[in-house]
C-alpha atoms as a PDB file:
ATOM      1  CA  MET A   1      -0.090   0.007  -0.072  1.00  0.00           C
ATOM      2  CA  ASN A   2       1.381   3.387  -0.845  1.00  0.00           C
ATOM      3  CA  PRO A   3      -1.105   5.999   0.382  1.00  0.00           C
ATOM      4  CA  HIS A   4      -1.050   9.396  -1.506  1.00  0.00           C
ATOM      5  CA  PRO A   5      -1.450  12.781  -0.271  1.00  0.00           C
ATOM      6  CA  GLY A   6      -5.242  13.966  -0.041  1.00  0.00           C
ATOM      7  CA  GLU A   7      -6.477  10.457   0.171  1.00  0.00           C
ATOM      8  CA  VAL A   8      -8.860   9.692   3.330  1.00  0.00           C
ATOM      9  CA  TYR A   9      -8.394   6.529   5.067  1.00  0.00           C
ATOM     10  CA  LEU A  10     -10.140   5.055   8.145  1.00  0.00           C
ATOM     11  CA  VAL A  11      -7.363   4.845  10.660  1.00  0.00           C
ATOM     12  CA  ASP A  12      -6.963   2.646  13.828  1.00  0.00           C
ATOM     13  CA  LEU A  13      -5.500   4.948  16.362  1.00  0.00           C
ATOM     14  CA  GLY A  14      -4.864   2.476  19.094  1.00  0.00           C
ATOM     15  CA  MET A  15      -6.211   1.424  22.480  1.00  0.00           C
ATOM     16  CA  VAL A  16      -6.425   5.286  23.622  1.00  0.00           C
ATOM     17  CA  GLY A  17      -7.503   6.549  20.336  1.00  0.00           C
ATOM     18  CA  LYS A  18     -10.303   5.217  18.222  1.00  0.00           C
ATOM     19  CA  VAL A  19     -10.925   4.420  14.532  1.00  0.00           C
ATOM     20  CA  ARG A  20     -11.631   7.635  12.702  1.00  0.00           C
ATOM     21  CA  PRO A  21     -11.085   9.201   9.251  1.00  0.00           C
ATOM     22  CA  ALA A  22      -7.865  10.904   8.554  1.00  0.00           C
ATOM     23  CA  VAL A  23      -6.224  12.952   5.423  1.00  0.00           C
ATOM     24  CA  ILE A  24      -2.902  11.733   4.188  1.00  0.00           C
ATOM     25  CA  VAL A  25      -0.675  14.588   3.986  1.00  0.00           C
ATOM     26  CA  SER A  26       2.860  13.076   3.732  1.00  0.00           C
ATOM     27  CA  ARG A  27       4.530  13.082   0.339  1.00  0.00           C
ATOM     28  CA  GLU A  28       4.257  10.538  -2.151  1.00  0.00           C
ATOM     29  CA  ASP A  29       7.336   8.621  -2.082  1.00  0.00           C
ATOM     30  CA  PRO A  30       7.407   4.764  -3.430  1.00  0.00           C
ATOM     31  CA  GLU A  31      11.046   4.695  -2.399  1.00  0.00           C
ATOM     32  CA  SER A  32      10.470   5.329   1.398  1.00  0.00           C
ATOM     33  CA  PRO A  33      12.539   3.150   3.705  1.00  0.00           C
ATOM     34  CA  ARG A  34       9.754   2.715   6.123  1.00  0.00           C
ATOM     35  CA  ALA A  35       5.751   2.095   5.670  1.00  0.00           C
ATOM     36  CA  ILE A  36       4.871   5.089   7.493  1.00  0.00           C
ATOM     37  CA  CYS A  37       2.510   8.008   6.489  1.00  0.00           C
ATOM     38  CA  THR A  38       1.770  11.428   8.075  1.00  0.00           C
ATOM     39  CA  PHE A  39      -1.856  12.313   8.556  1.00  0.00           C
ATOM     40  CA  VAL A  40      -4.188  14.732  10.148  1.00  0.00           C
ATOM     41  CA  PRO A  41      -7.404  13.394  11.537  1.00  0.00           C
ATOM     42  CA  ILE A  42     -10.923  14.478  10.546  1.00  0.00           C
ATOM     43  CA  THR A  43     -13.446  15.706  13.447  1.00  0.00           C
ATOM     44  CA  SER A  44     -16.927  16.417  13.173  1.00  0.00           C
ATOM     45  CA  GLN A  45     -16.343  19.121  15.871  1.00  0.00           C
ATOM     46  CA  GLY A  46     -15.076  22.279  14.665  1.00  0.00           C
ATOM     47  CA  ARG A  47     -13.824  24.855  17.160  1.00  0.00           C
ATOM     48  CA  GLY A  48     -13.203  27.822  14.871  1.00  0.00           C
ATOM     49  CA  SER A  49      -9.542  27.471  15.405  1.00  0.00           C
ATOM     50  CA  ARG A  50      -6.925  28.398  13.023  1.00  0.00           C
ATOM     51  CA  TYR A  51      -5.663  24.756  13.549  1.00  0.00           C
ATOM     52  CA  GLU A  52      -8.709  23.294  11.536  1.00  0.00           C
ATOM     53  CA  VAL A  53      -9.707  23.320   8.008  1.00  0.00           C
ATOM     54  CA  SER A  54     -13.388  23.279   7.246  1.00  0.00           C
ATOM     55  CA  LEU A  55     -13.984  20.472   4.591  1.00  0.00           C
ATOM     56  CA  GLY A  56     -17.564  20.902   4.408  1.00  0.00           C
ATOM     57  CA  LYS A  57     -19.690  17.732   3.666  1.00  0.00           C
ATOM     58  CA  LEU A  58     -17.531  15.000   2.425  1.00  0.00           C
ATOM     59  CA  ARG A  59     -19.634  12.702   0.319  1.00  0.00           C
ATOM     60  CA  PHE A  60     -18.101   9.511   1.708  1.00  0.00           C
ATOM     61  CA  LEU A  61     -18.688  10.359   5.422  1.00  0.00           C
ATOM     62  CA  ARG A  62     -22.183  10.733   7.034  1.00  0.00           C
ATOM     63  CA  GLU A  63     -21.434  13.810   9.131  1.00  0.00           C
ATOM     64  CA  PRO A  64     -23.164  16.915   7.653  1.00  0.00           C
ATOM     65  CA  GLU A  65     -19.722  18.941   8.259  1.00  0.00           C
ATOM     66  CA  SER A  66     -16.152  18.084   8.821  1.00  0.00           C
ATOM     67  CA  TRP A  67     -12.877  19.445   9.848  1.00  0.00           C
ATOM     68  CA  ALA A  68      -9.153  18.644   9.323  1.00  0.00           C
ATOM     69  CA  ASN A  69      -7.531  19.204  12.721  1.00  0.00           C
ATOM     70  CA  VAL A  70      -3.837  19.923  11.956  1.00  0.00           C
ATOM     71  CA  GLN A  71      -2.902  20.440  15.713  1.00  0.00           C
ATOM     72  CA  ALA A  72      -3.121  16.542  15.848  1.00  0.00           C
ATOM     73  CA  LEU A  73      -0.740  15.834  13.156  1.00  0.00           C
ATOM     74  CA  ALA A  74       0.755  12.377  13.699  1.00  0.00           C
ATOM     75  CA  SER A  75       2.440   9.241  11.810  1.00  0.00           C
ATOM     76  CA  LEU A  76       1.654   5.757  11.763  1.00  0.00           C
ATOM     77  CA  GLY A  77       2.446   2.465   9.875  1.00  0.00           C
ATOM     78  CA  HIS A  78       0.700   1.565   6.720  1.00  0.00           C
ATOM     79  CA  GLU A  79      -0.738  -1.529   8.566  1.00  0.00           C
ATOM     80  CA  LYS A  80      -2.999   1.021  10.583  1.00  0.00           C
ATOM     81  CA  LEU A  81      -4.894   2.291   7.494  1.00  0.00           C
ATOM     82  CA  LEU A  82      -8.012   0.114   7.566  1.00  0.00           C
ATOM     83  CA  ARG A  83      -9.645   1.185   4.229  1.00  0.00           C
ATOM     84  CA  SER A  84      -9.600   3.922   1.778  1.00  0.00           C
ATOM     85  CA  LEU A  85     -12.690   6.342   2.037  1.00  0.00           C
ATOM     86  CA  GLY A  86     -11.998   8.716  -0.704  1.00  0.00           C
ATOM     87  CA  ARG A  87     -10.138  12.072  -1.234  1.00  0.00           C
ATOM     88  CA  VAL A  88     -10.164  15.672  -0.510  1.00  0.00           C
ATOM     89  CA  SER A  89     -10.118  18.149  -3.393  1.00  0.00           C
ATOM     90  CA  ALA A  90      -6.896  19.765  -4.471  1.00  0.00           C
ATOM     91  CA  GLU A  91      -7.961  22.987  -2.767  1.00  0.00           C
ATOM     92  CA  GLN A  92      -8.750  21.267   0.445  1.00  0.00           C
ATOM     93  CA  LEU A  93      -5.496  19.725   0.489  1.00  0.00           C
ATOM     94  CA  ASP A  94      -3.790  23.135  -0.202  1.00  0.00           C
ATOM     95  CA  SER A  95      -5.821  24.700   2.675  1.00  0.00           C
ATOM     96  CA  ILE A  96      -4.679  21.832   5.069  1.00  0.00           C
ATOM     97  CA  ARG A  97      -0.831  22.324   3.898  1.00  0.00           C
ATOM     98  CA  ASN A  98      -1.378  26.095   4.707  1.00  0.00           C
ATOM     99  CA  ALA A  99      -2.738  25.337   8.210  1.00  0.00           C
ATOM    100  CA  LEU A 100       0.246  22.851   8.806  1.00  0.00           C
ATOM    101  CA  ARG A 101       2.699  25.738   7.929  1.00  0.00           C
ATOM    102  CA  PHE A 102       0.884  28.091  10.472  1.00  0.00           C
ATOM    103  CA  ALA A 103       0.704  25.258  13.030  1.00  0.00           C
ATOM    104  CA  LEU A 104       4.452  24.483  12.571  1.00  0.00           C
ATOM    105  CA  ASP A 105       5.518  27.843  12.198  1.00  0.00           C
ATOM    106  CA  LEU A 106       7.162  27.146   8.784  1.00  0.00           C
END
């Protein structure tokens, strides 16, 4: 499996987390030395923060509105990607990347 930026997967965040959708933000690299990807989780509870990107209604999720929470940026092994759900638009991915630049002070 080689997840691509902008794809949304259902991910297993482990015992203290839960299974939730997440947007892949790591670069596409078929030669990566490890099967690890970086993602931002999607939440249905927006708080009006600059650390969140409104995604609106995603056709593959049941929630009426979703947000990408860049403050919860994380990485995990590909084995934790349970299944592909769809992808965000190029514009939404650009907005997520801009929010990451803010969050990481880049």
